[in-house]
N, C-alpha and C. Protein backbone atom coordinates (compact mmCIF):
# COMPACT_ATOMS: atom_id res chain seq x y z
N MET A 1 1.01 -1.64 0.05
CA MET A 1 -0.50 0.16 -0.27
C MET A 1 0.89 1.28 -0.32
N THR A 2 -0.04 2.52 -0.08
CA THR A 2 1.17 3.85 0.05
C THR A 2 1.15 4.50 0.89
N ASP A 3 1.21 5.64 1.21
CA ASP A 3 1.82 6.35 2.40
C ASP A 3 0.60 6.68 2.92
N GLU A 4 -0.15 7.32 1.07
CA GLU A 4 -1.35 7.65 1.32
C GLU A 4 -2.56 6.79 1.54
N SER A 5 -3.21 6.81 2.23
CA SER A 5 -4.48 5.40 2.43
C SER A 5 -5.32 5.85 2.40
N HIS A 6 -6.72 4.13 2.29
CA HIS A 6 -7.48 4.35 1.36
C HIS A 6 -8.38 5.71 2.00
N ALA A 7 -7.98 5.16 3.84
CA ALA A 7 -9.27 6.31 4.84
C ALA A 7 -8.55 7.98 5.06
N ARG A 8 -7.58 8.70 4.37
CA ARG A 8 -7.50 9.61 3.95
C ARG A 8 -8.71 10.43 2.62
N HIS A 9 -9.79 9.29 2.43
CA HIS A 9 -9.75 10.42 1.29
C HIS A 9 -11.21 9.14 1.01
N ARG A 10 -11.59 8.45 1.67
CA ARG A 10 -13.05 8.25 1.57
C ARG A 10 -14.12 8.70 1.86
N PRO A 11 -14.95 8.97 0.79
CA PRO A 11 -16.55 9.38 1.20
C PRO A 11 -16.88 8.27 2.83
N SER A 12 -17.79 9.39 3.53
CA SER A 12 -17.55 8.01 4.66
C SER A 12 -19.13 7.22 3.97
N THR A 13 -19.56 6.20 4.26
CA THR A 13 -20.23 5.82 3.02
C THR A 13 -21.28 5.60 4.73
N ASP A 14 -21.28 5.95 5.39
CA ASP A 14 -22.39 6.34 7.02
C ASP A 14 -22.97 6.87 7.36
N ARG A 15 -22.52 7.93 6.94
CA ARG A 15 -22.78 9.55 6.78
C ARG A 15 -23.59 9.78 5.43
N ASP A 16 -24.67 10.96 5.21
CA ASP A 16 -25.19 11.38 4.44
C ASP A 16 -24.58 11.27 3.43
N PRO A 17 -24.97 10.95 1.75
CA PRO A 17 -24.21 10.58 0.88
C PRO A 17 -24.51 12.52 0.59
N ALA A 18 -24.67 13.21 0.66
CA ALA A 18 -25.32 14.58 -0.07
C ALA A 18 -23.83 15.63 0.78
N GLN A 19 -23.41 14.75 1.97
CA GLN A 19 -22.37 15.12 2.10
C GLN A 19 -20.41 14.98 2.33
N ALA A 20 -20.90 13.61 1.36
CA ALA A 20 -19.90 13.37 0.81
C ALA A 20 -19.05 13.87 -0.58
N ALA A 21 -17.63 14.54 0.31
CA ALA A 21 -16.56 15.32 -1.29
C ALA A 21 -15.87 13.94 -1.96
N PRO A 22 -16.00 13.63 -3.13
CA PRO A 22 -14.60 12.69 -3.93
C PRO A 22 -13.73 13.37 -4.20
N ARG A 23 -13.10 12.81 -4.35
CA ARG A 23 -11.90 13.41 -5.31
C ARG A 23 -12.48 13.26 -6.83
N THR A 24 -11.61 14.64 -7.24
CA THR A 24 -12.42 15.13 -8.81
C THR A 24 -10.47 15.08 -9.24
N SER A 25 -11.30 14.96 -10.80
CA SER A 25 -10.31 15.19 -11.79
C SER A 25 -11.49 16.29 -12.96
N PHE A 26 -11.16 16.77 -13.29
CA PHE A 26 -11.83 17.13 -14.82
C PHE A 26 -13.11 17.85 -14.43
N GLY A 27 -13.36 17.76 -13.27
CA GLY A 27 -14.64 17.61 -12.57
C GLY A 27 -15.43 16.36 -12.55
N GLN A 28 -14.81 15.27 -12.66
CA GLN A 28 -15.52 13.86 -12.34
C GLN A 28 -15.02 13.25 -11.46
N PRO A 29 -15.91 12.32 -10.58
CA PRO A 29 -15.78 11.85 -9.69
C PRO A 29 -14.21 11.51 -10.21
N TYR A 30 -13.30 10.88 -8.69
CA TYR A 30 -11.26 10.19 -9.39
C TYR A 30 -10.83 9.61 -8.45
N PRO A 31 -11.03 8.23 -8.19
CA PRO A 31 -11.12 7.56 -7.03
C PRO A 31 -9.07 6.96 -6.83
N GLU A 32 -8.49 8.37 -7.46
CA GLU A 32 -7.04 7.66 -7.42
C GLU A 32 -6.43 6.94 -6.77
N HIS A 33 -5.35 5.74 -6.83
CA HIS A 33 -4.99 4.55 -6.48
C HIS A 33 -6.09 3.60 -6.35
N ASP A 34 -7.66 3.72 -6.55
CA ASP A 34 -8.05 3.15 -5.53
C ASP A 34 -8.90 2.17 -7.72
N ILE A 35 -9.24 0.82 -6.67
CA ILE A 35 -10.29 0.62 -7.95
C ILE A 35 -11.35 0.18 -7.66
N LEU A 36 -11.88 -0.26 -8.50
CA LEU A 36 -13.36 -0.30 -8.28
C LEU A 36 -14.31 -0.86 -9.18
N ALA A 37 -14.96 -1.87 -8.78
CA ALA A 37 -15.71 -3.63 -9.21
C ALA A 37 -16.63 -3.23 -8.80
N VAL A 38 -18.05 -3.96 -9.88
CA VAL A 38 -19.20 -4.03 -9.30
C VAL A 38 -19.26 -5.83 -9.14
N VAL A 39 -20.80 -5.99 -7.82
CA VAL A 39 -20.99 -7.03 -7.24
C VAL A 39 -21.79 -7.37 -7.55
N GLU A 40 -22.14 -8.59 -7.42
CA GLU A 40 -24.11 -8.93 -7.66
C GLU A 40 -24.81 -8.71 -6.44
N ASP A 41 -24.65 -9.09 -5.12
CA ASP A 41 -24.63 -8.50 -4.26
C ASP A 41 -24.74 -7.38 -3.07
N ARG A 42 -24.88 -7.97 -1.90
CA ARG A 42 -24.66 -7.90 -1.02
C ARG A 42 -23.81 -8.08 0.21
N PRO A 43 -24.07 -10.19 -0.40
CA PRO A 43 -23.43 -11.26 0.58
C PRO A 43 -22.24 -11.47 -0.30
N ALA A 44 -22.80 -10.91 -1.47
CA ALA A 44 -20.89 -11.29 -2.31
C ALA A 44 -20.27 -10.36 -2.32
N GLY A 45 -20.45 -9.04 -1.54
CA GLY A 45 -19.39 -7.90 -1.86
C GLY A 45 -19.38 -8.44 -0.21
N GLU A 46 -19.85 -8.81 0.14
CA GLU A 46 -18.91 -9.52 2.01
C GLU A 46 -18.47 -10.40 1.67
N GLN A 47 -18.42 -11.20 1.19
CA GLN A 47 -17.08 -12.50 0.77
C GLN A 47 -16.47 -11.71 0.15
N VAL A 48 -16.67 -10.99 -1.09
CA VAL A 48 -15.09 -10.53 -1.53
C VAL A 48 -14.51 -9.64 -0.20
N LEU A 49 -15.17 -9.22 0.55
CA LEU A 49 -14.04 -8.32 1.46
C LEU A 49 -13.43 -9.01 2.57
N ARG A 50 -14.30 -9.57 3.05
CA ARG A 50 -13.32 -11.44 3.43
C ARG A 50 -12.15 -11.80 2.69
N SER A 51 -12.17 -11.80 1.73
CA SER A 51 -11.26 -12.32 0.96
C SER A 51 -10.35 -11.22 0.55
N LEU A 52 -10.12 -10.37 0.69
CA LEU A 52 -9.32 -9.39 0.66
C LEU A 52 -8.83 -9.23 1.76
N ARG A 53 -9.37 -8.91 2.97
CA ARG A 53 -8.88 -8.82 4.02
C ARG A 53 -7.79 -9.84 4.44
N HIS A 54 -8.46 -11.40 4.17
CA HIS A 54 -7.06 -12.51 4.10
C HIS A 54 -5.96 -12.19 3.29
N ALA A 55 -6.29 -11.45 2.44
CA ALA A 55 -5.05 -11.04 1.33
C ALA A 55 -4.01 -10.07 1.37
N GLY A 56 -4.21 -9.45 2.64
CA GLY A 56 -4.23 -8.55 3.26
C GLY A 56 -4.00 -6.88 2.87
N VAL A 57 -5.65 -7.07 2.87
CA VAL A 57 -5.62 -5.32 2.38
C VAL A 57 -5.98 -5.06 4.00
N PRO A 58 -5.47 -3.68 4.72
CA PRO A 58 -6.53 -3.52 5.44
C PRO A 58 -8.03 -2.64 5.96
N GLU A 59 -8.56 -3.01 6.63
CA GLU A 59 -10.22 -2.86 7.05
C GLU A 59 -10.39 -1.79 6.52
N GLY A 60 -9.34 -0.80 6.08
CA GLY A 60 -9.91 1.04 6.29
C GLY A 60 -9.67 1.47 4.65
N ASP A 61 -8.85 0.28 4.32
CA ASP A 61 -8.72 0.45 3.31
C ASP A 61 -9.51 -0.34 1.64
N MET A 62 -10.41 -0.74 2.32
CA MET A 62 -12.05 -1.38 1.19
C MET A 62 -13.40 -0.87 1.95
N ASP A 63 -14.35 -0.76 0.77
CA ASP A 63 -16.00 -0.16 1.28
C ASP A 63 -16.53 -0.49 -0.02
N LEU A 64 -17.35 -1.22 0.36
CA LEU A 64 -18.95 -2.21 0.07
C LEU A 64 -19.98 -0.72 0.31
N VAL A 65 -20.16 0.09 -1.08
CA VAL A 65 -20.56 1.02 -0.77
C VAL A 65 -21.90 0.61 -0.93
N GLU A 66 -23.25 0.32 -0.81
CA GLU A 66 -24.71 0.01 -1.47
C GLU A 66 -25.61 0.90 -2.38
N PRO A 67 -26.64 0.49 -3.51
CA PRO A 67 -25.96 1.16 -5.05
C PRO A 67 -26.86 2.48 -3.89
N ALA A 68 -27.79 2.88 -2.99
CA ALA A 68 -28.51 3.80 -2.78
C ALA A 68 -28.15 5.12 -2.57
N TRP A 69 -26.68 4.44 -1.18
CA TRP A 69 -26.01 5.69 -1.08
C TRP A 69 -25.19 6.16 -2.69
N LEU A 70 -24.68 5.36 -3.39
CA LEU A 70 -23.87 5.79 -4.57
C LEU A 70 -24.76 6.58 -5.20
N LEU A 71 -25.88 6.21 -5.60
CA LEU A 71 -26.59 6.88 -6.21
C LEU A 71 -26.50 8.29 -6.08
N GLU A 72 -27.09 8.84 -4.21
CA GLU A 72 -27.58 9.93 -3.60
C GLU A 72 -26.26 10.32 -3.74
N ALA A 73 -25.25 10.31 -3.39
CA ALA A 73 -24.20 10.55 -3.46
C ALA A 73 -23.27 11.34 -5.28
N GLY A 74 -24.28 10.70 -6.38
CA GLY A 74 -23.59 10.97 -7.72
C GLY A 74 -24.91 12.13 -7.89
N ARG A 75 -25.97 12.58 -7.41
CA ARG A 75 -26.99 13.09 -8.03
C ARG A 75 -26.15 14.41 -6.60
N ALA A 76 -25.86 14.55 -5.29
CA ALA A 76 -25.58 15.39 -4.55
C ALA A 76 -24.16 16.07 -5.45
N PHE A 77 -23.57 14.87 -5.83
CA PHE A 77 -22.72 16.07 -6.47
C PHE A 77 -22.55 16.79 -7.68
N GLU A 78 -23.28 16.21 -8.87
CA GLU A 78 -24.23 17.17 -9.65
C GLU A 78 -24.43 18.28 -9.10
N GLU A 79 -25.77 18.21 -7.92
CA GLU A 79 -25.92 19.63 -8.21
C GLU A 79 -24.55 20.55 -7.32
N ARG A 80 -23.76 20.23 -7.07
CA ARG A 80 -22.78 21.20 -6.67
C ARG A 80 -21.55 21.56 -7.23
N ARG A 81 -21.68 20.88 -8.35
CA ARG A 81 -21.38 21.52 -9.11
C ARG A 81 -21.15 22.57 -9.99
N GLY A 82 -19.96 24.03 -10.43
CA GLY A 82 -20.31 24.65 -10.89
C GLY A 82 -20.27 24.22 -12.67
N VAL A 83 -20.42 25.57 -12.88
CA VAL A 83 -20.00 25.87 -14.69
C VAL A 83 -18.46 25.86 -14.69
N LEU A 84 -17.98 25.98 -14.42
CA LEU A 84 -15.95 25.46 -15.41
C LEU A 84 -15.90 23.76 -14.33
N GLN A 85 -16.50 23.18 -13.51
CA GLN A 85 -16.41 22.34 -13.07
C GLN A 85 -17.08 21.13 -14.44
N ARG A 86 -18.56 21.59 -14.98
CA ARG A 86 -18.80 20.58 -15.65
C ARG A 86 -18.85 21.29 -17.05
N LEU A 87 -17.30 22.21 -17.24
CA LEU A 87 -17.50 22.30 -18.41
C LEU A 87 -16.16 21.19 -18.67
N ALA A 88 -15.24 21.60 -17.93
CA ALA A 88 -14.01 19.88 -17.49
C ALA A 88 -14.27 19.10 -17.43
N ALA A 89 -15.72 18.46 -17.18
CA ALA A 89 -16.56 16.95 -17.12
C ALA A 89 -16.59 16.48 -18.30
N LEU A 90 -16.25 17.82 -19.30
CA LEU A 90 -17.25 17.37 -21.25
C LEU A 90 -15.87 17.32 -21.71
N LEU A 91 -14.43 17.28 -20.93
CA LEU A 91 -13.33 17.06 -21.42
C LEU A 91 -12.75 15.10 -20.83
N ALA A 92 -13.52 14.78 -19.52
CA ALA A 92 -12.37 14.65 -19.38
C ALA A 92 -13.72 12.81 -19.22
N ALA A 93 -14.11 12.38 -20.75
CA ALA A 93 -15.50 11.30 -21.26
C ALA A 93 -14.79 10.49 -21.19
N GLN A 94 -13.94 9.93 -20.47
CA GLN A 94 -14.20 8.12 -20.57
C GLN A 94 -14.17 8.51 -19.27
N GLU A 95 -13.87 9.33 -17.87
CA GLU A 95 -14.29 8.98 -17.31
C GLU A 95 -15.88 9.38 -16.71
N GLY A 96 -16.66 10.55 -17.10
CA GLY A 96 -17.46 10.37 -16.95
C GLY A 96 -18.88 9.27 -17.63
N SER A 97 -18.26 8.63 -18.60
CA SER A 97 -18.66 7.39 -19.48
C SER A 97 -18.01 6.40 -17.94
N TYR A 98 -17.26 5.62 -17.44
CA TYR A 98 -17.13 5.38 -16.64
C TYR A 98 -18.26 5.14 -14.96
N ALA A 99 -18.35 6.15 -14.84
CA ALA A 99 -18.92 6.75 -14.02
C ALA A 99 -20.92 6.28 -14.17
N ALA A 100 -21.07 7.16 -15.25
CA ALA A 100 -22.40 6.18 -15.76
C ALA A 100 -22.43 4.79 -15.71
N GLU A 101 -21.79 4.19 -15.93
CA GLU A 101 -21.75 2.58 -15.91
C GLU A 101 -22.31 2.08 -14.37
N TYR A 102 -20.79 2.69 -13.84
CA TYR A 102 -21.18 2.73 -12.16
C TYR A 102 -22.63 2.88 -11.41
N GLU A 103 -23.38 3.98 -12.00
CA GLU A 103 -24.52 4.72 -11.83
C GLU A 103 -25.29 3.67 -12.23
N GLU A 104 -25.25 3.16 -13.66
CA GLU A 104 -26.37 1.91 -14.14
C GLU A 104 -26.68 1.00 -13.18
N GLU A 105 -25.54 -0.07 -12.47
CA GLU A 105 -25.35 -0.76 -11.98
C GLU A 105 -25.45 -0.68 -10.51
N ALA A 106 -25.23 0.77 -10.19
CA ALA A 106 -26.39 0.85 -8.67
C ALA A 106 -27.81 1.15 -8.69
N ARG A 107 -28.44 1.14 -9.82
CA ARG A 107 -29.44 1.49 -10.07
C ARG A 107 -29.93 0.36 -10.66
N ASP A 108 -29.30 -0.62 -11.37
CA ASP A 108 -29.77 -2.05 -11.13
C ASP A 108 -29.47 -3.23 -9.79
N GLY A 109 -29.26 -1.97 -8.21
CA GLY A 109 -29.12 -3.23 -7.41
C GLY A 109 -27.89 -3.40 -7.42
N HIS A 110 -27.03 -3.06 -7.06
CA HIS A 110 -25.37 -3.97 -7.22
C HIS A 110 -24.43 -2.82 -7.07
N PRO A 111 -24.13 -3.22 -5.28
CA PRO A 111 -23.19 -2.58 -4.76
C PRO A 111 -21.98 -2.95 -5.47
N VAL A 112 -21.04 -1.04 -4.69
CA VAL A 112 -19.47 -1.52 -5.86
C VAL A 112 -18.99 -0.89 -4.64
N LEU A 113 -18.06 -2.09 -4.97
CA LEU A 113 -16.26 -2.43 -3.98
C LEU A 113 -15.36 -1.08 -4.57
N VAL A 114 -15.14 -0.82 -3.46
CA VAL A 114 -13.78 0.36 -3.58
C VAL A 114 -12.80 0.45 -2.95
N VAL A 115 -11.79 -0.64 -3.39
CA VAL A 115 -11.11 -0.83 -3.03
C VAL A 115 -9.13 -0.15 -2.90
N HIS A 116 -8.09 0.30 -1.93
CA HIS A 116 -7.27 0.89 -1.95
C HIS A 116 -6.23 0.52 -2.79
N ALA A 117 -5.58 0.29 -4.10
CA ALA A 117 -4.59 -0.93 -4.29
C ALA A 117 -3.12 -0.59 -3.89
N GLY A 118 -2.60 0.95 -3.99
CA GLY A 118 -1.40 1.45 -3.88
C GLY A 118 -0.75 1.05 -4.82
N ASP A 119 0.35 0.56 -4.71
CA ASP A 119 1.40 -0.45 -5.34
C ASP A 119 1.27 -1.00 -6.49
N ARG A 120 1.59 -1.41 -7.46
CA ARG A 120 1.21 -2.54 -8.93
C ARG A 120 1.63 -3.82 -8.39
N ALA A 121 1.71 -4.54 -7.06
CA ALA A 121 1.62 -5.31 -6.48
C ALA A 121 0.93 -5.61 -5.39
N GLY A 122 -0.64 -4.14 -5.48
CA GLY A 122 -1.52 -4.21 -4.76
C GLY A 122 -2.54 -4.15 -5.51
N VAL A 123 -2.77 -3.81 -6.49
CA VAL A 123 -3.36 -3.81 -7.62
C VAL A 123 -3.39 -5.12 -8.38
N ASP A 124 -2.07 -5.99 -8.57
CA ASP A 124 -2.21 -7.66 -9.11
C ASP A 124 -3.30 -8.19 -7.71
N ARG A 125 -2.70 -7.98 -6.79
CA ARG A 125 -3.30 -8.96 -5.84
C ARG A 125 -4.66 -8.67 -5.39
N ILE A 126 -5.62 -7.54 -5.73
CA ILE A 126 -6.51 -7.54 -5.64
C ILE A 126 -7.15 -7.70 -6.64
N ARG A 127 -6.64 -7.45 -8.39
CA ARG A 127 -6.99 -7.72 -9.28
C ARG A 127 -7.58 -9.27 -8.80
N GLY A 128 -6.58 -10.65 -8.43
CA GLY A 128 -7.10 -11.76 -8.48
C GLY A 128 -8.19 -12.43 -7.56
N VAL A 129 -8.46 -11.38 -6.59
CA VAL A 129 -9.47 -11.85 -5.24
C VAL A 129 -10.57 -11.52 -6.33
N LEU A 130 -10.45 -10.12 -6.40
CA LEU A 130 -11.96 -9.41 -7.30
C LEU A 130 -12.56 -10.09 -8.35
N LYS A 131 -11.46 -10.95 -9.01
CA LYS A 131 -11.86 -11.68 -10.46
C LYS A 131 -12.41 -12.81 -10.34
N GLY A 132 -11.97 -13.64 -9.07
CA GLY A 132 -11.68 -15.23 -8.77
C GLY A 132 -12.97 -15.23 -8.03
N HIS A 133 -13.70 -14.08 -7.34
CA HIS A 133 -14.70 -13.74 -6.80
C HIS A 133 -16.62 -13.69 -8.54
N GLY A 134 -15.86 -13.25 -9.61
CA GLY A 134 -16.39 -12.55 -10.54
C GLY A 134 -17.30 -11.12 -10.43
N ALA A 135 -16.32 -10.49 -9.45
CA ALA A 135 -16.71 -9.12 -10.21
C ALA A 135 -16.36 -8.48 -11.35
N ARG A 136 -17.34 -7.27 -11.66
CA ARG A 136 -17.07 -7.06 -13.16
C ARG A 136 -16.78 -5.53 -12.82
N ARG A 137 -17.02 -4.68 -14.37
CA ARG A 137 -16.07 -3.41 -14.57
C ARG A 137 -15.57 -3.32 -13.16
N ILE A 138 -13.98 -3.89 -13.04
CA ILE A 138 -12.97 -3.90 -12.41
C ILE A 138 -12.14 -2.79 -13.12
N ARG A 139 -11.94 -1.38 -12.67
CA ARG A 139 -10.29 -0.49 -13.09
C ARG A 139 -9.96 -0.21 -11.76
N TYR A 140 -8.83 0.44 -12.70
CA TYR A 140 -7.86 0.61 -11.21
C TYR A 140 -7.53 2.34 -12.00
N TYR A 141 -7.87 2.73 -10.60
CA TYR A 141 -8.00 4.75 -11.36
C TYR A 141 -6.41 5.07 -10.53
N GLY A 142 -5.77 5.09 -12.01
CA GLY A 142 -3.92 5.61 -11.57
C GLY A 142 -3.33 6.99 -12.16
N HIS A 143 -2.86 7.29 -12.04
CA HIS A 143 -2.33 8.50 -11.35
C HIS A 143 -2.76 9.52 -12.75
N PHE A 144 -2.19 9.10 -13.55
CA PHE A 144 -3.29 9.74 -14.81
C PHE A 144 -4.02 9.33 -15.60
N THR A 145 -4.70 8.08 -15.85
CA THR A 145 -4.68 6.84 -16.88
C THR A 145 -5.53 5.64 -15.66
N ILE A 146 -6.70 5.17 -16.15
CA ILE A 146 -8.07 4.24 -16.09
C ILE A 146 -7.46 3.30 -16.43
N GLU A 147 -6.94 2.23 -15.81
CA GLU A 147 -7.02 0.76 -16.15
C GLU A 147 -7.73 -0.36 -16.26
N ASP A 148 -8.51 -1.18 -17.28
CA ASP A 148 -9.42 -2.27 -17.28
C ASP A 148 -8.71 -3.14 -16.94
N LEU A 149 -8.93 -4.22 -15.84
CA LEU A 149 -8.01 -4.94 -15.38
C LEU A 149 -9.26 -6.04 -14.98
């Protein structure tokens, strides 16, 4: 893991999603150094979390985000964006399309896992666990790139 843990930038999913302030890049949510993945349901997500802990991922470096929370946080984020952020978001079309995919999955009732990966070894270890549990839309948000895993 890196010196900057997920806990330093994670939105608190146990409080009002309207208060969440995700990290952004070009006006889009951008969870740098994190992996996002979709799981079928909460029990599947909890099983993945157990497997990730067993693989050495610290408890504070992962979240299982409920669909309703994710959708409400996205709605609140859109309402807070100013004109310049909206214009910048047009430049970040790829990030916007990925965010829309995660929102679509949430509307269909699927939770999203957010796991802080840190270094390349962490990315590889986490990817293996996620794929082994059938997670989908697995993406690593690097410093300036988004990598499909």
